[in-house]
Protein backbone atom coordinates (compact mmCIF):
# COMPACT_ATOMS: atom_id res chain seq x y z
CA MET A 1 -25.96 -6.80 28.87
CA LYS A 2 -22.32 -7.53 30.53
CA ASN A 3 -20.02 -9.97 28.53
CA LYS A 4 -16.73 -11.71 30.17
CA VAL A 5 -13.26 -11.91 28.81
CA THR A 6 -10.91 -13.09 30.24
CA HIS A 7 -7.13 -12.81 28.60
CA CYS A 8 -3.80 -15.10 29.37
CA ARG A 9 -1.47 -15.03 28.54
CA GLN A 10 2.58 -16.58 29.22
CA GLN A 11 6.14 -15.78 28.02
CA TRP A 12 7.98 -19.37 28.64
CA ALA A 13 11.69 -19.71 29.97
CA VAL A 14 13.23 -20.82 26.67
CA GLY A 15 16.99 -19.28 26.87
CA HIS A 16 18.33 -17.61 23.67
CA GLY A 17 14.72 -18.12 21.42
CA PHE A 18 10.71 -17.01 21.70
CA PHE A 19 7.32 -18.87 22.74
CA HIS A 20 5.21 -16.80 23.36
CA THR A 21 1.22 -18.22 24.37
CA ALA A 22 -2.07 -16.76 24.87
CA ARG A 23 -5.90 -16.85 25.55
CA VAL A 24 -8.69 -15.13 24.87
CA ASP A 25 -11.68 -16.33 26.94
CA VAL A 26 -15.32 -15.14 25.86
CA GLY A 27 -18.18 -16.06 27.07
CA GLY A 28 -17.45 -19.65 27.50
CA ARG A 29 -15.66 -19.57 23.31
CA VAL A 30 -11.87 -20.57 24.22
CA TYR A 31 -9.39 -18.90 22.35
CA ARG A 32 -5.46 -19.40 21.60
CA TYR A 33 -2.61 -18.09 19.51
CA VAL A 34 1.38 -18.32 19.83
CA TYR A 35 3.97 -15.96 18.69
CA ASP A 36 7.06 -18.08 17.19
CA CYS A 37 7.83 -21.35 19.52
CA GLY A 38 12.13 -21.84 18.82
CA SER A 39 14.95 -22.66 21.47
CA THR A 40 19.05 -22.46 20.29
CA GLY A 41 20.18 -26.13 19.56
CA GLN A 42 18.15 -28.36 18.38
CA GLY A 43 14.76 -27.05 20.09
CA VAL A 44 14.99 -29.28 23.01
CA LEU A 45 13.69 -26.80 25.71
CA ALA A 46 10.78 -25.11 23.07
CA ASN A 47 9.33 -28.75 22.65
CA GLN A 48 9.46 -29.32 26.19
CA ARG A 49 7.67 -25.95 27.17
CA ALA A 50 4.93 -27.38 24.18
CA ASN A 51 4.84 -29.84 26.62
CA GLU A 52 3.92 -27.52 29.17
CA PHE A 53 1.63 -25.69 27.32
CA LEU A 54 -0.27 -28.48 26.40
CA ASN A 55 -0.77 -30.22 29.81
CA VAL A 56 -1.90 -26.41 30.88
CA GLU A 57 -4.22 -26.68 28.07
CA LYS A 58 -5.48 -30.16 29.21
CA LEU A 59 -6.50 -29.19 31.93
CA TYR A 60 -8.90 -27.54 30.33
CA GLY A 61 -11.34 -30.09 29.45
CA ALA A 62 -9.15 -30.39 25.33
CA ASP A 63 -7.24 -33.79 24.58
CA ARG A 64 -5.59 -31.80 21.70
CA PRO A 65 -6.34 -28.38 21.64
CA ASP A 66 -7.16 -25.90 19.01
CA ILE A 67 -4.04 -22.94 18.53
CA HIS A 68 -6.32 -20.81 16.29
CA MET A 69 -3.36 -18.24 15.07
CA LEU A 70 0.05 -19.42 15.45
CA VAL A 71 2.24 -16.25 14.15
CA ILE A 72 5.92 -16.73 12.69
CA SER A 73 7.89 -13.80 13.03
CA HIS A 74 10.78 -14.01 11.05
CA PHE A 75 12.57 -18.06 10.14
CA HIS A 76 15.90 -18.04 12.36
CA SER A 77 16.24 -21.76 14.25
CA ASP A 78 15.90 -19.96 16.89
CA HIS A 79 12.49 -18.87 16.51
CA VAL A 80 10.55 -21.77 14.15
CA ASN A 81 12.40 -24.75 15.52
CA GLY A 82 9.81 -26.17 17.87
CA VAL A 83 7.22 -25.27 15.06
CA PRO A 84 7.02 -29.19 14.51
CA ASN A 85 5.95 -30.52 18.01
CA LEU A 86 3.28 -27.56 18.23
CA PHE A 87 1.49 -29.17 15.01
CA LEU A 88 2.00 -33.25 16.51
CA LEU A 89 0.29 -31.81 20.29
CA PHE A 90 -1.66 -29.18 18.82
CA ASN A 91 -4.79 -28.80 16.18
CA VAL A 92 -2.61 -25.61 14.45
CA ARG A 93 -5.72 -23.95 12.61
CA ARG A 94 -3.99 -20.66 11.31
CA LEU A 95 -0.24 -20.22 10.54
CA VAL A 96 0.32 -16.69 9.41
CA ILE A 97 4.27 -15.93 8.90
CA PRO A 98 5.73 -12.36 6.54
CA TYR A 99 5.52 -12.83 3.09
CA LEU A 100 9.66 -13.72 1.51
CA ALA A 101 10.07 -11.83 -2.00
CA THR A 102 12.92 -14.13 -3.20
CA ASP A 103 15.75 -12.08 -1.87
CA ALA A 104 13.86 -12.31 1.66
CA GLN A 105 13.96 -16.72 0.68
CA ILE A 106 17.50 -16.06 -0.13
CA ILE A 107 18.45 -14.72 2.85
CA ALA A 108 15.71 -17.25 5.29
CA LEU A 109 17.20 -20.03 3.28
CA ALA A 110 21.06 -19.27 3.77
CA HIS A 111 20.41 -18.64 7.50
CA PHE A 112 19.00 -22.61 7.59
CA ALA A 113 21.40 -23.86 5.28
CA SER A 114 24.48 -22.33 7.34
CA LEU A 115 23.09 -24.61 10.92
CA GLY A 116 24.10 -27.50 8.36
CA PRO A 117 22.01 -29.74 6.05
CA ASP A 118 18.85 -31.55 9.06
CA ALA A 119 18.44 -28.00 9.73
CA TRP A 120 18.00 -27.11 5.93
CA SER A 121 16.13 -29.73 5.67
CA ARG A 122 13.37 -29.82 8.46
CA PHE A 123 12.83 -26.47 7.52
CA HIS A 124 13.74 -24.73 3.99
CA LEU A 125 10.06 -26.04 2.04
CA LEU A 126 8.70 -23.39 5.04
CA VAL A 127 10.24 -20.58 3.38
CA THR A 128 9.41 -21.57 0.12
CA ASP A 129 6.25 -23.53 -0.06
CA PRO A 130 4.52 -23.13 3.24
CA ARG A 131 1.32 -24.86 1.71
CA ALA A 132 3.23 -27.85 1.38
CA TRP A 133 5.43 -27.73 5.23
CA VAL A 134 2.71 -28.21 6.61
CA ASP A 135 0.54 -30.67 4.56
CA ALA A 136 3.57 -32.64 5.85
CA GLN A 137 3.26 -31.96 9.77
CA ASN A 138 -0.11 -32.62 9.93
CA GLY A 139 -1.04 -34.57 6.68
CA GLU A 140 -4.19 -33.19 7.06
CA GLY A 141 -4.87 -30.04 4.84
CA ASN A 142 -6.62 -28.39 7.10
CA THR A 143 -4.59 -25.25 8.25
CA GLU A 144 -4.43 -21.88 6.75
CA ILE A 145 -1.72 -20.47 5.59
CA VAL A 146 -1.41 -16.54 5.54
CA GLN A 147 1.18 -14.55 4.86
CA VAL A 148 1.31 -11.47 5.50
CA HIS A 149 3.02 -8.31 3.83
CA GLY A 150 3.89 -4.75 4.46
CA ASP A 151 1.76 -2.42 2.49
CA GLU A 152 3.04 0.64 0.65
CA GLY A 153 4.17 3.91 2.67
CA ASP A 154 4.86 4.03 6.60
CA ASP A 155 2.17 6.42 7.28
CA ALA A 156 -0.12 4.17 5.20
CA PRO A 157 -3.89 3.88 6.89
CA GLN A 158 -4.93 1.22 8.60
CA GLU A 159 -8.43 0.12 7.57
CA GLU A 160 -11.75 1.11 9.97
CA SER A 161 -12.33 -2.60 10.99
CA ALA A 162 -12.57 -6.14 10.21
CA PRO A 163 -16.73 -8.10 8.74
CA PRO A 164 -17.56 -10.68 11.50
CA PRO A 165 -17.34 -13.93 10.50
CA PHE A 166 -18.72 -16.86 9.76
CA GLU A 167 -22.99 -17.45 9.89
CA ASP A 168 -23.07 -16.61 13.85
CA GLY A 169 -20.21 -14.25 14.40
CA ASN A 170 -18.48 -15.38 16.42
CA GLY A 171 -14.81 -16.13 16.19
CA PHE A 172 -11.02 -14.77 14.39
CA SER A 173 -11.41 -12.01 11.21
CA LEU A 174 -8.51 -11.36 9.27
CA GLY A 175 -10.16 -8.73 7.51
CA SER A 176 -11.00 -10.25 4.29
CA PRO A 177 -14.48 -11.25 3.56
CA HIS A 178 -13.30 -14.52 1.57
CA LEU A 179 -11.41 -15.01 4.74
CA SER A 180 -15.02 -14.38 7.20
CA LYS A 181 -17.92 -15.51 5.01
CA GLN A 182 -16.25 -18.86 5.94
CA PRO A 183 -14.41 -21.21 8.56
CA TRP A 184 -10.42 -22.02 7.76
CA ILE A 185 -10.70 -25.42 7.86
CA ASP A 186 -12.84 -25.55 4.50
CA CYS A 187 -10.60 -23.19 2.18
CA PRO A 188 -7.23 -24.61 3.35
CA GLY A 189 -5.57 -24.36 -0.30
CA ALA A 190 -2.74 -21.69 -1.65
CA PRO A 191 -1.62 -19.38 1.55
CA VAL A 192 -4.02 -16.44 1.15
CA GLN A 193 -2.34 -13.07 1.15
CA ILE A 194 -3.07 -10.35 3.07
CA SER A 195 -1.30 -6.28 4.49
CA ASP A 196 0.28 -5.14 8.15
CA THR A 197 -2.48 -2.72 7.53
CA ALA A 198 -5.97 -5.29 7.42
CA PRO A 199 -7.47 -5.67 10.49
CA VAL A 200 -7.38 -8.38 12.83
CA ALA A 201 -10.15 -9.33 15.15
CA ILE A 202 -11.59 -11.80 17.55
CA PHE A 203 -15.75 -11.10 17.20
CA ASN A 204 -18.02 -12.26 19.93
CA ALA A 205 -22.40 -12.08 18.42
CA LYS A 206 -20.93 -10.25 15.12
CA ARG A 207 -18.81 -8.08 17.11
CA SER A 208 -14.99 -6.98 17.22
CA VAL A 209 -13.29 -7.78 21.31
CA TRP A 210 -10.76 -8.40 20.63
CA THR A 211 -7.66 -7.03 18.38
CA PHE A 212 -4.28 -7.66 16.53
CA ARG A 213 -2.25 -5.24 14.70
CA PHE A 214 1.13 -6.53 11.96
CA TYR A 215 3.67 -4.83 10.78
CA VAL A 216 6.11 -5.72 8.43
CA GLN A 217 10.01 -4.50 8.79
CA ASP A 218 11.81 -5.07 5.38
CA ARG A 219 15.68 -4.31 5.31
CA PRO A 220 15.82 -3.87 1.26
CA THR A 221 19.22 -2.90 1.71
CA LEU A 222 20.56 -6.68 2.90
CA GLU A 223 20.49 -8.51 -0.05
CA ASN A 224 23.24 -5.51 -0.72
CA LEU A 225 25.20 -7.38 1.38
CA ILE A 226 24.39 -11.70 2.62
CA ILE A 227 23.32 -12.20 -2.13
CA ALA A 228 26.64 -10.25 -2.92
CA ASP A 229 29.12 -12.80 -0.91
CA LEU A 230 27.05 -16.09 -1.38
CA LEU A 231 26.48 -14.85 -5.70
CA ASN A 232 31.14 -14.95 -5.16
CA LYS A 233 32.08 -17.02 -2.89
CA LEU A 234 29.42 -19.42 -4.22
CA ARG A 235 30.40 -18.75 -8.07
CA CYS A 236 26.14 -18.18 -8.85
CA THR A 237 25.64 -16.16 -12.57
CA SER A 238 22.14 -15.02 -10.74
CA ARG A 239 19.99 -14.48 -7.58
CA GLY A 240 17.19 -17.31 -10.04
CA ASP A 241 20.34 -19.30 -10.27
CA LEU A 242 21.37 -19.50 -6.27
CA LEU A 243 17.78 -19.69 -5.38
CA LYS A 244 16.98 -22.82 -7.31
CA ASN A 245 20.62 -23.76 -5.90
CA LEU A 246 19.53 -24.01 -2.05
CA ASN A 247 16.60 -25.46 -2.75
CA GLU A 248 18.33 -28.68 -4.62
CA GLN A 249 19.50 -31.15 -0.95
CA ALA A 250 22.99 -32.31 -3.16
CA TRP A 251 24.08 -28.97 -3.43
CA ILE A 252 23.39 -27.81 0.04
CA GLN A 253 25.04 -31.23 1.57
CA SER A 254 28.42 -29.45 -0.65
CA ASN A 255 28.02 -25.83 0.05
CA TRP A 256 27.03 -25.51 3.34
CA GLU A 257 30.39 -24.26 5.72
CA THR A 258 31.09 -22.14 2.74
CA ILE A 259 27.06 -20.57 3.30
CA ARG A 260 28.15 -20.55 7.15
CA GLY A 261 31.31 -18.47 6.18
CA CYS A 262 29.15 -16.22 4.58
CA VAL A 263 26.24 -15.56 6.99
CA LYS A 264 28.69 -15.23 9.89
CA ALA A 265 31.11 -12.62 8.35
CA GLN A 266 28.48 -10.14 8.18
CA ALA A 267 27.08 -11.30 12.11
CA PRO A 268 24.83 -9.81 14.12
CA LYS A 269 24.25 -6.96 12.04
CA GLU A 270 22.53 -8.38 8.94
CA GLN A 271 20.86 -11.47 9.28
CA ASN A 272 17.24 -11.26 9.14
CA LYS A 273 15.46 -9.34 6.31
CA THR A 274 11.97 -9.40 7.10
CA THR A 275 10.60 -9.54 10.33
CA LEU A 276 6.65 -10.19 11.84
CA CYS A 277 5.41 -7.46 14.79
CA MET A 278 2.47 -7.95 16.56
CA PHE A 279 0.16 -6.91 18.61
CA SER A 280 -3.39 -7.94 20.67
CA GLY A 281 -5.29 -6.42 23.38
CA PRO A 282 -8.97 -5.99 24.03
CA LYS A 283 -11.18 -3.52 22.01
CA PRO A 284 -11.42 -0.39 24.60
CA ASN A 285 -15.13 -1.02 25.23
CA HIS A 286 -13.93 -3.36 27.72
CA THR A 287 -14.43 -2.73 31.41
CA LEU A 288 -10.93 -4.13 33.70
CA ARG A 289 -11.84 -6.53 36.83
CA GLU A 290 -9.18 -7.99 37.57
CA THR A 291 -6.19 -8.48 37.57
CA ARG A 292 -3.21 -11.02 37.82
CA LEU A 293 0.09 -11.27 37.41
CA SER A 294 3.53 -13.26 37.57
CA PHE A 295 6.91 -13.25 37.74
CA LEU A 296 8.71 -14.78 40.66
CA PRO A 297 12.09 -12.16 40.99
CA HIS A 298 10.08 -9.31 40.70
CA ALA A 299 5.55 -8.45 41.75
CA LEU A 300 4.61 -6.55 39.61
CA ARG A 301 1.79 -3.96 40.67
CA TYR A 302 -0.05 -1.45 37.88
CA PRO A 303 -2.42 -0.69 40.26
CA TRP A 304 -3.58 2.63 37.56
CA MET A 305 -4.26 0.13 34.68
CA SER A 306 -7.23 -0.22 32.06
CA ALA A 307 -8.75 -1.91 29.89
CA ARG A 308 -7.23 0.42 27.74
CA ASN A 309 -3.50 -0.62 28.34
CA ILE A 310 -3.14 -3.89 28.84
CA GLY A 311 -2.01 -4.88 25.54
CA TRP A 312 1.34 -6.89 24.67
CA LEU A 313 3.47 -5.96 21.41
CA GLY A 314 5.68 -8.43 19.95
CA THR A 315 8.81 -7.26 17.81
CA GLY A 316 10.80 -10.54 17.09
CA ASP A 317 14.73 -9.04 15.95
CA ALA A 318 13.21 -6.37 14.42
CA GLU A 319 15.96 -4.30 13.86
CA LEU A 320 14.64 -1.04 15.53
CA ALA A 321 18.10 0.88 16.09
CA ASP A 322 17.97 3.13 13.47
CA ALA A 323 16.07 6.54 13.42
CA GLY A 324 14.14 6.14 10.54
CA ARG A 325 13.40 2.22 10.86
CA TYR A 326 11.94 3.02 14.55
CA GLN A 327 10.04 6.05 12.92
CA SER A 328 8.29 4.13 11.00
CA PHE A 329 7.31 1.09 13.44
CA GLU A 330 6.42 3.82 15.88
CA ASN A 331 4.23 5.12 12.97
CA HIS A 332 2.24 2.02 12.11
CA TYR A 333 1.69 1.94 15.39
CA ALA A 334 0.48 5.12 15.85
CA GLY A 335 -3.07 4.22 18.52
CA PHE A 336 -1.54 1.32 19.72
CA ILE A 337 1.06 2.44 21.42
CA GLU A 338 -0.66 4.15 23.98
CA LYS A 339 -2.57 0.39 24.71
CA THR A 340 0.88 -2.01 25.32
CA LEU A 341 1.75 -2.90 29.15
CA THR A 342 4.45 -5.13 27.53
CA LEU A 343 6.04 -5.32 25.24
CA SER A 344 9.16 -7.86 23.55
CA ILE A 345 12.80 -6.44 22.90
CA PRO A 346 13.69 -6.80 19.73
CA HIS A 347 16.59 -9.72 19.09
CA HIS A 348 16.99 -11.25 23.14
CA GLY A 349 18.27 -7.49 23.55
CA SER A 350 20.62 -6.76 21.52
CA VAL A 351 22.10 -3.06 21.16
CA GLU A 352 21.97 -3.20 17.63
CA ASN A 353 18.56 -3.80 17.18
CA TYR A 354 17.32 -1.04 20.42
CA HIS A 355 16.27 2.60 20.05
CA PRO A 356 15.91 4.42 23.56
CA LYS A 357 12.23 5.32 22.10
CA LEU A 358 11.16 1.73 23.16
CA ALA A 359 11.68 1.97 26.95
CA ARG A 360 8.67 4.61 26.72
CA ILE A 361 6.44 2.05 25.75
CA GLY A 362 4.79 0.14 28.24
CA ARG A 363 5.45 -0.38 31.66
CA ALA A 364 6.93 -4.50 31.20
CA HIS A 365 9.79 -4.48 29.48
CA VAL A 366 10.54 -8.74 27.90
CA ILE A 367 13.51 -9.83 27.18
CA THR A 368 14.52 -13.27 26.21
CA ALA A 369 17.93 -14.36 26.57
CA SER A 370 20.32 -17.32 28.60
CA ALA A 371 21.79 -16.65 31.56
CA GLY A 372 24.82 -15.39 31.50
CA ASP A 373 24.76 -14.63 27.72
CA ALA A 374 27.79 -11.81 27.44
CA LYS A 375 26.25 -9.88 24.39
CA HIS A 376 22.29 -10.88 24.93
CA PRO A 377 20.37 -8.88 26.95
CA ALA A 378 23.48 -5.44 26.62
CA PRO A 379 23.94 -4.68 28.90
CA ALA A 380 23.13 -0.90 28.12
CA VAL A 381 20.02 -0.91 27.02
CA CYS A 382 18.79 -2.79 30.44
CA LEU A 383 20.28 0.20 32.26
CA HIS A 384 18.49 2.56 29.65
CA ILE A 385 15.55 0.24 30.51
CA GLN A 386 15.85 0.62 34.06
CA SER A 387 17.01 4.12 34.28
CA GLU A 388 13.32 5.18 32.36
CA CYS A 389 11.03 2.76 33.95
CA GLY A 390 12.70 0.48 36.30
CA ASN A 391 14.29 -3.23 35.47
CA PRO A 392 13.32 -5.13 32.45
CA LEU A 393 12.03 -8.82 33.26
CA VAL A 394 14.38 -10.96 31.11
CA VAL A 395 12.89 -14.83 30.58
CA THR A 396 15.64 -16.45 30.64
CA ARG A 397 15.79 -20.90 30.74
CA GLU A 398 14.94 -21.03 34.18
CA GLY A 399 11.43 -22.03 34.52
CA TRP A 400 10.72 -19.00 37.41
CA THR A 401 11.83 -16.93 35.17
CA GLN A 402 8.31 -17.34 33.43
CA LEU A 403 6.39 -14.01 33.03
CA PHE A 404 2.59 -15.00 33.77
CA GLU A 405 -0.65 -12.16 33.02
CA CYS A 406 -3.93 -12.98 33.35
CA PHE A 407 -6.74 -10.10 32.27
CA ASP A 408 -10.85 -10.33 33.62
CA MET A 409 -12.66 -8.03 31.73
CA GLU A 410 -16.34 -6.86 30.79
CA PHE A 411 -17.82 -5.56 27.67
CA SER A 412 -21.79 -4.54 27.16
CA ASN A 413 -23.14 -5.67 24.30
């Protein structure tokens, strides 16, 4: 028996930020996921695009649709300041975030504090107590929180397969028997932790039809830069003392300008310690029937595509310029890179995050940036991608630059 899968994904025009949405329709069951939602400033443009996303989904018949998986790549304002609006507009069933150890929490809190007390007030609990932050957004406590941590070693093997979810075998599975036996809506307590090698999949009738693959890039040397400066300038006696202060509103009010100076002193290279990357794509037993792509500045046609190589790979602000870090990324995604069609270039096309081998992954290379920004994307990055495989697809603030991709597939039970 043939079953139909339709996958549509969109890179929204938010300028120097990121907002990626997708839907996977498996025989009439619709699953939505989002990777980041933010833009520069106060997130006005990200909120506008989120409203547009809602209006599109309402056309499918749901007044308040579900987002089955909302992924945050890292805790920078231009990637998260639209997230509260998503909680207002949608039922967010699952929030997936990178696990942050103490040093990573300090750096994330320092980032938000450097933007001023208002930004810190909006997001500090997301960093230190995501359960409390999420419950404050929706007031219902029905969002499961999943923290993804990096596995030991760059070449840690991926687990073979996820267990089927729920009683009827339909829905998301995150590689945990506990999460697979009951809907997440029934277990909204403390965050659940999984490894970035855990198999994550969408199931239909107990069969995996769509797969996800996370990767956590952690930079253990970063604390020697920002944290040392913070400890010195703010006269904190220890990391614990610094973390405690970064959670106190009155202290932030008095010290945020000093914090901003410490953070800016490390720009642009050293502001993010932990990034969560994500691959999304079909299982290899699908047959591609039809493809629809739209990126208005360019006519996109991929006649050579099969369902094996239409995956999407988001890299957040991963620092991949370093050869060792890039190799760890490539090792982790062995078996997935060749399945990738569309790759988001890390950190808005910054040369400090770019490795030349990225141009060999997939055929569509997406960069989100504001038009006229001299640094993002870096001209050298654009020219290198162009020389390797054609023009990068630069998605700016203008709606006509948005990238839309849609694929119709069939698979057999």
